[in-house]
Every structure is written in structure tokens, then in C-alpha cells.
Amino acid sequence: MLYERDGAYFIRVNGLELMTSRAHGSEEDLARLALAKVRRKKPKVLVGGLGMGFTLRAVLDAVPEQSKVMVAEILPSVVVWNRKEL
């Protein structure tokens, strides 16, 4: 479930808060650390889970324009949230 409070977005599953738009440094760090090991000029990158899109954004910012970036997201509602609310 996605909800907004005081200008921030949150994702909850089974009553547990999984993500918030206020704290996303670990998602960005994960992308940067993984890409630091890549030596290809046009890497192919798979992001497992869209979440709020912070990892995807970090990957897109870090790879050359000719790279191929794919996202695997199992929940259609997460994709809808990113296209509309987020």
C-alpha cells in the first residue's frame, strides 16, 4: 500500500513500512557500488524491484546513454504508483 503523509510517500506491506521517500540513500548507494565494478562501455543492467525508483534513477544517472537498463517488478501497483503518484 502506498500512502502519503506530510509531503512524504511510504510503501507498507502487511503493516510494515518498507520504503519512504525521505530515506533512500541505501538504494542509491547500492546502484553506485554495483556499477563501480562494471567495466563495459555499454553495460546491461537489471534492477530487481522498482520500489520508488531511487535505484533506477541512480543507475540511469551513472551509466552511459547507450546502456540497456531493465527493471523487474512483480507488483503492477508499484509500476502504477511510479507512473502516477510518484
N, C-alpha and C. Protein backbone atom coordinates (compact mmCIF):
# COMPACT_ATOMS: atom_id res chain seq x y z
N MET A 1 0.84 -1.17 0.00
CA MET A 1 0.00 0.00 0.00
C MET A 1 0.89 1.25 0.00
N LEU A 2 0.60 2.18 -0.89
CA LEU A 2 1.31 3.45 -0.95
C LEU A 2 0.47 4.49 -0.23
N TYR A 3 1.11 5.29 0.60
CA TYR A 3 0.39 6.39 1.22
C TYR A 3 1.32 7.58 1.39
N GLU A 4 0.70 8.74 1.55
CA GLU A 4 1.43 10.00 1.68
C GLU A 4 1.09 10.63 3.02
N ARG A 5 2.12 11.17 3.66
CA ARG A 5 1.92 11.87 4.93
C ARG A 5 2.94 13.00 5.01
N ASP A 6 2.46 14.19 5.24
CA ASP A 6 3.33 15.36 5.41
C ASP A 6 4.30 15.55 4.26
N GLY A 7 3.85 15.30 3.05
CA GLY A 7 4.68 15.51 1.87
C GLY A 7 5.64 14.38 1.54
N ALA A 8 5.62 13.31 2.30
CA ALA A 8 6.48 12.15 2.03
C ALA A 8 5.62 10.95 1.66
N TYR A 9 6.18 10.07 0.84
CA TYR A 9 5.49 8.85 0.44
C TYR A 9 6.09 7.66 1.18
N PHE A 10 5.23 6.67 1.44
CA PHE A 10 5.63 5.47 2.16
C PHE A 10 5.01 4.26 1.47
N ILE A 11 5.74 3.15 1.48
CA ILE A 11 5.21 1.88 1.00
C ILE A 11 5.15 0.94 2.20
N ARG A 12 3.97 0.39 2.44
CA ARG A 12 3.77 -0.56 3.53
C ARG A 12 3.26 -1.87 2.96
N VAL A 13 3.74 -2.97 3.54
CA VAL A 13 3.27 -4.31 3.20
C VAL A 13 3.04 -5.05 4.51
N ASN A 14 1.85 -5.59 4.67
CA ASN A 14 1.47 -6.31 5.89
C ASN A 14 1.75 -5.48 7.15
N GLY A 15 1.48 -4.18 7.06
CA GLY A 15 1.65 -3.31 8.21
C GLY A 15 3.06 -2.84 8.47
N LEU A 16 4.02 -3.32 7.68
CA LEU A 16 5.43 -2.93 7.87
C LEU A 16 5.82 -1.89 6.83
N GLU A 17 6.47 -0.85 7.28
CA GLU A 17 6.95 0.18 6.38
C GLU A 17 8.23 -0.30 5.70
N LEU A 18 8.18 -0.41 4.37
CA LEU A 18 9.32 -0.91 3.61
C LEU A 18 10.20 0.20 3.05
N MET A 19 9.56 1.26 2.59
CA MET A 19 10.31 2.34 1.95
C MET A 19 9.66 3.66 2.27
N THR A 20 10.48 4.70 2.22
CA THR A 20 9.97 6.05 2.35
C THR A 20 10.75 6.96 1.42
N SER A 21 10.08 7.98 0.93
CA SER A 21 10.76 8.93 0.05
C SER A 21 11.71 9.84 0.83
N ARG A 22 11.64 9.77 2.15
CA ARG A 22 12.53 10.59 2.98
C ARG A 22 13.92 9.97 3.17
N ALA A 23 14.02 8.67 3.06
CA ALA A 23 15.30 7.99 3.30
C ALA A 23 15.54 6.98 2.17
N HIS A 24 16.40 7.35 1.24
CA HIS A 24 16.64 6.48 0.09
C HIS A 24 18.12 6.39 -0.28
N GLY A 25 18.99 6.79 0.61
CA GLY A 25 20.42 6.74 0.33
C GLY A 25 20.95 5.34 0.10
N SER A 26 20.40 4.36 0.80
CA SER A 26 20.91 2.99 0.63
C SER A 26 20.59 2.46 -0.77
N GLU A 27 19.45 2.84 -1.33
CA GLU A 27 19.12 2.41 -2.69
C GLU A 27 20.10 3.02 -3.69
N GLU A 28 20.42 4.28 -3.52
CA GLU A 28 21.35 4.94 -4.42
C GLU A 28 22.77 4.40 -4.25
N ASP A 29 23.17 4.15 -3.01
CA ASP A 29 24.49 3.57 -2.75
C ASP A 29 24.62 2.18 -3.38
N LEU A 30 23.57 1.38 -3.29
CA LEU A 30 23.58 0.04 -3.87
C LEU A 30 23.87 0.12 -5.37
N ALA A 31 23.21 1.01 -6.06
CA ALA A 31 23.43 1.16 -7.50
C ALA A 31 24.86 1.59 -7.79
N ARG A 32 25.34 2.58 -7.08
CA ARG A 32 26.70 3.08 -7.32
C ARG A 32 27.75 2.01 -7.02
N LEU A 33 27.59 1.29 -5.92
CA LEU A 33 28.56 0.25 -5.57
C LEU A 33 28.58 -0.87 -6.60
N ALA A 34 27.42 -1.29 -7.05
CA ALA A 34 27.36 -2.36 -8.06
C ALA A 34 27.97 -1.90 -9.38
N LEU A 35 27.67 -0.69 -9.78
CA LEU A 35 28.17 -0.19 -11.06
C LEU A 35 29.66 0.14 -11.02
N ALA A 36 30.21 0.34 -9.85
CA ALA A 36 31.65 0.61 -9.74
C ALA A 36 32.47 -0.59 -10.21
N LYS A 37 31.89 -1.77 -10.20
CA LYS A 37 32.59 -2.99 -10.63
C LYS A 37 32.45 -3.25 -12.12
N VAL A 38 31.60 -2.53 -12.80
CA VAL A 38 31.32 -2.76 -14.22
C VAL A 38 32.35 -2.04 -15.08
N ARG A 39 32.91 -2.77 -16.03
CA ARG A 39 33.95 -2.20 -16.89
C ARG A 39 33.49 -2.04 -18.34
N ARG A 40 32.30 -2.47 -18.66
CA ARG A 40 31.81 -2.38 -20.04
C ARG A 40 31.44 -0.94 -20.39
N LYS A 41 31.62 -0.61 -21.65
CA LYS A 41 31.28 0.74 -22.11
C LYS A 41 29.77 0.92 -22.24
N LYS A 42 29.07 -0.17 -22.58
CA LYS A 42 27.61 -0.13 -22.70
C LYS A 42 27.02 -1.27 -21.87
N PRO A 43 26.99 -1.13 -20.56
CA PRO A 43 26.52 -2.23 -19.72
C PRO A 43 25.02 -2.49 -19.88
N LYS A 44 24.66 -3.73 -19.57
CA LYS A 44 23.26 -4.12 -19.46
C LYS A 44 23.00 -4.31 -17.98
N VAL A 45 22.03 -3.56 -17.45
CA VAL A 45 21.78 -3.55 -16.01
C VAL A 45 20.35 -3.98 -15.74
N LEU A 46 20.18 -4.88 -14.79
CA LEU A 46 18.86 -5.30 -14.34
C LEU A 46 18.66 -4.81 -12.92
N VAL A 47 17.62 -4.02 -12.71
CA VAL A 47 17.25 -3.55 -11.38
C VAL A 47 16.12 -4.45 -10.89
N GLY A 48 16.35 -5.14 -9.80
CA GLY A 48 15.35 -6.05 -9.25
C GLY A 48 14.43 -5.32 -8.29
N GLY A 49 13.29 -4.92 -8.77
CA GLY A 49 12.31 -4.21 -7.94
C GLY A 49 12.36 -2.72 -8.20
N LEU A 50 11.22 -2.15 -8.51
CA LEU A 50 11.16 -0.72 -8.82
C LEU A 50 11.07 0.14 -7.57
N GLY A 51 10.32 -0.32 -6.57
CA GLY A 51 10.16 0.48 -5.36
C GLY A 51 9.68 1.87 -5.69
N MET A 52 10.37 2.87 -5.21
CA MET A 52 10.04 4.26 -5.51
C MET A 52 10.90 4.83 -6.62
N GLY A 53 11.71 3.99 -7.23
CA GLY A 53 12.50 4.39 -8.38
C GLY A 53 13.86 5.00 -8.08
N PHE A 54 14.26 5.00 -6.82
CA PHE A 54 15.54 5.64 -6.47
C PHE A 54 16.74 4.87 -7.01
N THR A 55 16.70 3.54 -6.95
CA THR A 55 17.81 2.74 -7.50
C THR A 55 17.86 2.91 -9.01
N LEU A 56 16.71 2.84 -9.65
CA LEU A 56 16.66 3.04 -11.10
C LEU A 56 17.22 4.39 -11.49
N ARG A 57 16.83 5.45 -10.80
CA ARG A 57 17.32 6.79 -11.11
C ARG A 57 18.85 6.86 -10.96
N ALA A 58 19.38 6.25 -9.90
CA ALA A 58 20.82 6.25 -9.69
C ALA A 58 21.55 5.50 -10.80
N VAL A 59 20.97 4.38 -11.24
CA VAL A 59 21.57 3.62 -12.34
C VAL A 59 21.56 4.46 -13.61
N LEU A 60 20.43 5.05 -13.94
CA LEU A 60 20.33 5.85 -15.15
C LEU A 60 21.29 7.03 -15.13
N ASP A 61 21.52 7.59 -13.97
CA ASP A 61 22.47 8.71 -13.85
C ASP A 61 23.92 8.26 -13.99
N ALA A 62 24.19 6.99 -13.71
CA ALA A 62 25.57 6.50 -13.66
C ALA A 62 26.06 5.83 -14.94
N VAL A 63 25.15 5.30 -15.74
CA VAL A 63 25.59 4.55 -16.94
C VAL A 63 25.55 5.44 -18.17
N PRO A 64 26.37 5.09 -19.17
CA PRO A 64 26.32 5.84 -20.43
C PRO A 64 24.94 5.71 -21.10
N GLU A 65 24.62 6.68 -21.91
CA GLU A 65 23.31 6.71 -22.56
C GLU A 65 23.03 5.47 -23.40
N GLN A 66 24.07 4.84 -23.96
CA GLN A 66 23.89 3.68 -24.82
C GLN A 66 23.64 2.39 -24.04
N SER A 67 23.67 2.44 -22.75
CA SER A 67 23.46 1.25 -21.92
C SER A 67 22.02 0.78 -22.01
N LYS A 68 21.81 -0.47 -21.62
CA LYS A 68 20.46 -1.02 -21.57
C LYS A 68 20.12 -1.25 -20.10
N VAL A 69 19.04 -0.64 -19.63
CA VAL A 69 18.62 -0.77 -18.25
C VAL A 69 17.21 -1.33 -18.23
N MET A 70 17.03 -2.42 -17.49
CA MET A 70 15.72 -3.07 -17.36
C MET A 70 15.34 -3.13 -15.89
N VAL A 71 14.05 -3.11 -15.65
CA VAL A 71 13.53 -3.23 -14.28
C VAL A 71 12.58 -4.40 -14.22
N ALA A 72 12.75 -5.24 -13.20
CA ALA A 72 11.82 -6.35 -12.97
C ALA A 72 11.01 -6.01 -11.72
N GLU A 73 9.71 -5.84 -11.91
CA GLU A 73 8.82 -5.53 -10.80
C GLU A 73 7.64 -6.49 -10.84
N ILE A 74 7.41 -7.19 -9.75
CA ILE A 74 6.38 -8.20 -9.70
C ILE A 74 4.98 -7.63 -9.43
N LEU A 75 4.92 -6.46 -8.81
CA LEU A 75 3.63 -5.89 -8.44
C LEU A 75 3.22 -4.78 -9.41
N PRO A 76 2.17 -4.99 -10.19
CA PRO A 76 1.71 -3.96 -11.12
C PRO A 76 1.38 -2.64 -10.41
N SER A 77 0.91 -2.71 -9.17
CA SER A 77 0.55 -1.47 -8.46
C SER A 77 1.76 -0.58 -8.23
N VAL A 78 2.94 -1.15 -8.06
CA VAL A 78 4.15 -0.35 -7.87
C VAL A 78 4.47 0.43 -9.15
N VAL A 79 4.29 -0.21 -10.29
CA VAL A 79 4.52 0.47 -11.56
C VAL A 79 3.52 1.62 -11.72
N VAL A 80 2.26 1.37 -11.40
CA VAL A 80 1.23 2.41 -11.49
C VAL A 80 1.58 3.58 -10.57
N TRP A 81 2.00 3.31 -9.34
CA TRP A 81 2.36 4.39 -8.41
C TRP A 81 3.45 5.26 -9.00
N ASN A 82 4.45 4.63 -9.60
CA ASN A 82 5.56 5.39 -10.17
C ASN A 82 5.13 6.21 -11.37
N ARG A 83 4.19 5.73 -12.11
CA ARG A 83 3.72 6.47 -13.28
C ARG A 83 2.78 7.60 -12.90
N LYS A 84 2.07 7.47 -11.79
CA LYS A 84 1.07 8.46 -11.43
C LYS A 84 1.48 9.27 -10.20
N GLU A 85 1.38 8.69 -9.03
CA GLU A 85 1.60 9.43 -7.78
C GLU A 85 3.04 9.87 -7.57
N LEU A 86 3.98 8.98 -7.84
CA LEU A 86 5.38 9.29 -7.56
C LEU A 86 6.03 10.04 -8.70
